[in-house]
């Protein structure tokens, strides 16, 4: 299978890595077992990684919008799910979420700044 890598795929690869990192973070950083922090990291990580895989597999705009929304959720989730007092987990979520939001926003911006398409 010969895949032609395009520069647009880099954003999706970054989101995939961030999603996988967020999913693995409860084990890496030793969050307390069966807590909302764990579930948030696991579910958010799976969602971001899955959306990145969808964006890599099929060129469409909707995965980028959903990734942007997931990134916003990851940024605000420490306060919504009420684990913002944790000094390890909160910065992890905020930084990961900001990276996902910036990458998705840039991807959408570049998508809309592309060459005009002529439709007939």
C-alpha atoms as a PDB file:
ATOM      1  CA  UNK A   1       0.000   0.000   0.000  1.00  0.00           C
ATOM      2  CA  UNK A   2       1.573   3.202  -1.157  1.00  0.00           C
ATOM      3  CA  UNK A   3       0.368   6.282   0.723  1.00  0.00           C
ATOM      4  CA  UNK A   4       1.164   9.719  -0.605  1.00  0.00           C
ATOM      5  CA  UNK A   5       1.727  11.896   2.444  1.00  0.00           C
ATOM      6  CA  UNK A   6       0.509  15.452   2.139  1.00  0.00           C
ATOM      7  CA  UNK A   7       1.343  18.362   4.376  1.00  0.00           C
ATOM      8  CA  UNK A   8      -2.320  18.532   5.395  1.00  0.00           C
ATOM      9  CA  UNK A   9      -1.964  15.138   7.065  1.00  0.00           C
ATOM     10  CA  UNK A  10       0.532  16.478   9.592  1.00  0.00           C
ATOM     11  CA  UNK A  11      -2.244  18.208  11.540  1.00  0.00           C
ATOM     12  CA  UNK A  12      -4.200  14.968  11.741  1.00  0.00           C
ATOM     13  CA  UNK A  13      -1.109  13.061  12.869  1.00  0.00           C
ATOM     14  CA  UNK A  14      -0.518  15.625  15.626  1.00  0.00           C
ATOM     15  CA  UNK A  15      -4.126  15.205  16.775  1.00  0.00           C
ATOM     16  CA  UNK A  16      -3.732  11.430  16.693  1.00  0.00           C
ATOM     17  CA  UNK A  17      -0.610  11.574  18.876  1.00  0.00           C
ATOM     18  CA  UNK A  18      -2.259  13.998  21.329  1.00  0.00           C
ATOM     19  CA  UNK A  19      -5.357  11.788  21.506  1.00  0.00           C
ATOM     20  CA  UNK A  20      -3.299   8.675  22.187  1.00  0.00           C
ATOM     21  CA  UNK A  21      -1.221  10.562  24.746  1.00  0.00           C
ATOM     22  CA  UNK A  22      -4.331  11.779  26.514  1.00  0.00           C
ATOM     23  CA  UNK A  23      -5.727   8.239  26.535  1.00  0.00           C
ATOM     24  CA  UNK A  24      -2.514   6.857  28.066  1.00  0.00           C
ATOM     25  CA  UNK A  25      -2.019   9.714  30.542  1.00  0.00           C
ATOM     26  CA  UNK A  26      -3.897   8.134  33.488  1.00  0.00           C
ATOM     27  CA  UNK A  27      -1.418   5.245  33.498  1.00  0.00           C
ATOM     28  CA  UNK A  28       1.628   7.373  32.753  1.00  0.00           C
ATOM     29  CA  UNK A  29       0.895   9.976  35.441  1.00  0.00           C
ATOM     30  CA  UNK A  30      -0.870   7.641  37.901  1.00  0.00           C
ATOM     31  CA  UNK A  31      -4.246   9.353  38.246  1.00  0.00           C
ATOM     32  CA  UNK A  32      -6.385   7.975  41.062  1.00  0.00           C
ATOM     33  CA  UNK A  33      -8.247   4.839  40.007  1.00  0.00           C
ATOM     34  CA  UNK A  34     -11.819   5.033  38.710  1.00  0.00           C
ATOM     35  CA  UNK A  35     -12.073   8.783  38.926  1.00  0.00           C
ATOM     36  CA  UNK A  36     -13.735  11.297  36.595  1.00  0.00           C
ATOM     37  CA  UNK A  37     -10.231  12.413  35.591  1.00  0.00           C
ATOM     38  CA  UNK A  38      -9.474   8.967  34.192  1.00  0.00           C
ATOM     39  CA  UNK A  39     -12.736   8.632  32.327  1.00  0.00           C
ATOM     40  CA  UNK A  40     -12.413  12.107  30.874  1.00  0.00           C
ATOM     41  CA  UNK A  41      -8.866  11.429  29.670  1.00  0.00           C
ATOM     42  CA  UNK A  42      -9.779   8.026  28.246  1.00  0.00           C
ATOM     43  CA  UNK A  43     -12.938   9.111  26.437  1.00  0.00           C
ATOM     44  CA  UNK A  44     -11.529  12.416  25.194  1.00  0.00           C
ATOM     45  CA  UNK A  45      -8.361  10.703  23.999  1.00  0.00           C
ATOM     46  CA  UNK A  46     -10.303   8.010  22.153  1.00  0.00           C
ATOM     47  CA  UNK A  47     -12.558  10.617  20.530  1.00  0.00           C
ATOM     48  CA  UNK A  48      -9.673  12.821  19.373  1.00  0.00           C
ATOM     49  CA  UNK A  49      -7.659   9.853  18.077  1.00  0.00           C
ATOM     50  CA  UNK A  50     -10.695   8.392  16.271  1.00  0.00           C
ATOM     51  CA  UNK A  51     -11.493  11.736  14.639  1.00  0.00           C
ATOM     52  CA  UNK A  52      -7.880  12.042  13.532  1.00  0.00           C
ATOM     53  CA  UNK A  53      -8.054   8.590  11.950  1.00  0.00           C
ATOM     54  CA  UNK A  54     -11.281   9.521  10.164  1.00  0.00           C
ATOM     55  CA  UNK A  55      -9.670  12.727   8.895  1.00  0.00           C
ATOM     56  CA  UNK A  56      -6.662  10.750   7.655  1.00  0.00           C
ATOM     57  CA  UNK A  57      -8.856   8.169   5.920  1.00  0.00           C
ATOM     58  CA  UNK A  58     -11.317  10.466   4.190  1.00  0.00           C
ATOM     59  CA  UNK A  59     -10.902  14.106   3.301  1.00  0.00           C
ATOM     60  CA  UNK A  60     -13.826  15.960   4.843  1.00  0.00           C
ATOM     61  CA  UNK A  61     -14.368  19.096   6.861  1.00  0.00           C
ATOM     62  CA  UNK A  62     -16.631  17.688   9.579  1.00  0.00           C
ATOM     63  CA  UNK A  63     -13.935  15.723  11.470  1.00  0.00           C
ATOM     64  CA  UNK A  64     -11.956  18.939  11.886  1.00  0.00           C
ATOM     65  CA  UNK A  65     -14.949  20.733  13.396  1.00  0.00           C
ATOM     66  CA  UNK A  66     -15.602  17.851  15.781  1.00  0.00           C
ATOM     67  CA  UNK A  67     -11.908  17.749  16.703  1.00  0.00           C
ATOM     68  CA  UNK A  68     -12.046  21.479  17.436  1.00  0.00           C
ATOM     69  CA  UNK A  69     -15.059  20.916  19.708  1.00  0.00           C
ATOM     70  CA  UNK A  70     -13.357  17.988  21.445  1.00  0.00           C
ATOM     71  CA  UNK A  71     -10.289  20.156  22.040  1.00  0.00           C
ATOM     72  CA  UNK A  72     -12.422  22.875  23.607  1.00  0.00           C
ATOM     73  CA  UNK A  73     -14.015  20.235  25.836  1.00  0.00           C
ATOM     74  CA  UNK A  74     -10.594  18.994  26.965  1.00  0.00           C
ATOM     75  CA  UNK A  75      -9.581  22.573  27.872  1.00  0.00           C
ATOM     76  CA  UNK A  76     -12.695  23.300  29.972  1.00  0.00           C
ATOM     77  CA  UNK A  77     -13.278  19.787  31.359  1.00  0.00           C
ATOM     78  CA  UNK A  78     -11.159  20.207  34.528  1.00  0.00           C
ATOM     79  CA  UNK A  79     -13.639  22.842  35.702  1.00  0.00           C
ATOM     80  CA  UNK A  80     -16.783  21.178  34.364  1.00  0.00           C
ATOM     81  CA  UNK A  81     -15.934  17.732  35.753  1.00  0.00           C
ATOM     82  CA  UNK A  82     -14.434  19.398  38.860  1.00  0.00           C
ATOM     83  CA  UNK A  83     -10.879  18.140  38.973  1.00  0.00           C
ATOM     84  CA  UNK A  84      -9.215  21.528  38.447  1.00  0.00           C
ATOM     85  CA  UNK A  85      -7.517  21.331  41.857  1.00  0.00           C
ATOM     86  CA  UNK A  86      -5.228  18.540  40.632  1.00  0.00           C
ATOM     87  CA  UNK A  87      -1.876  20.139  39.793  1.00  0.00           C
ATOM     88  CA  UNK A  88      -0.858  17.413  37.323  1.00  0.00           C
ATOM     89  CA  UNK A  89      -4.058  16.618  35.482  1.00  0.00           C
ATOM     90  CA  UNK A  90      -5.374  20.141  34.891  1.00  0.00           C
ATOM     91  CA  UNK A  91      -2.310  21.491  33.027  1.00  0.00           C
ATOM     92  CA  UNK A  92      -2.129  18.246  31.056  1.00  0.00           C
ATOM     93  CA  UNK A  93      -5.735  18.631  29.882  1.00  0.00           C
ATOM     94  CA  UNK A  94      -5.453  22.359  29.219  1.00  0.00           C
ATOM     95  CA  UNK A  95      -2.232  22.076  27.194  1.00  0.00           C
ATOM     96  CA  UNK A  96      -3.432  19.031  25.239  1.00  0.00           C
ATOM     97  CA  UNK A  97      -6.754  20.736  24.530  1.00  0.00           C
ATOM     98  CA  UNK A  98      -5.121  23.959  23.380  1.00  0.00           C
ATOM     99  CA  UNK A  99      -2.820  22.064  21.011  1.00  0.00           C
ATOM    100  CA  UNK A 100      -5.783  20.160  19.550  1.00  0.00           C
ATOM    101  CA  UNK A 101      -7.818  23.368  19.166  1.00  0.00           C
ATOM    102  CA  UNK A 102      -4.968  25.254  17.499  1.00  0.00           C
ATOM    103  CA  UNK A 103      -4.168  22.396  15.117  1.00  0.00           C
ATOM    104  CA  UNK A 104      -7.832  21.911  14.152  1.00  0.00           C
ATOM    105  CA  UNK A 105      -8.369  25.663  13.744  1.00  0.00           C
ATOM    106  CA  UNK A 106      -5.289  25.986  11.549  1.00  0.00           C
ATOM    107  CA  UNK A 107      -6.412  23.005   9.492  1.00  0.00           C
ATOM    108  CA  UNK A 108      -9.838  24.591   8.976  1.00  0.00           C
ATOM    109  CA  UNK A 109      -8.295  27.947   8.179  1.00  0.00           C
ATOM    110  CA  UNK A 110      -5.985  26.427   5.566  1.00  0.00           C
ATOM    111  CA  UNK A 111      -8.903  24.463   4.163  1.00  0.00           C
ATOM    112  CA  UNK A 112     -10.871  27.657   3.594  1.00  0.00           C
ATOM    113  CA  UNK A 113      -7.866  29.632   2.349  1.00  0.00           C
ATOM    114  CA  UNK A 114      -7.176  27.152  -0.445  1.00  0.00           C
ATOM    115  CA  UNK A 115      -7.456  27.845  -4.113  1.00  0.00           C
ATOM    116  CA  UNK A 116     -10.958  28.743  -5.273  1.00  0.00           C
ATOM    117  CA  UNK A 117     -12.790  25.864  -6.829  1.00  0.00           C
ATOM    118  CA  UNK A 118     -14.839  26.283  -9.945  1.00  0.00           C
ATOM    119  CA  UNK A 119     -18.095  24.414  -9.946  1.00  0.00           C
ATOM    120  CA  UNK A 120     -20.203  23.861 -12.964  1.00  0.00           C
END
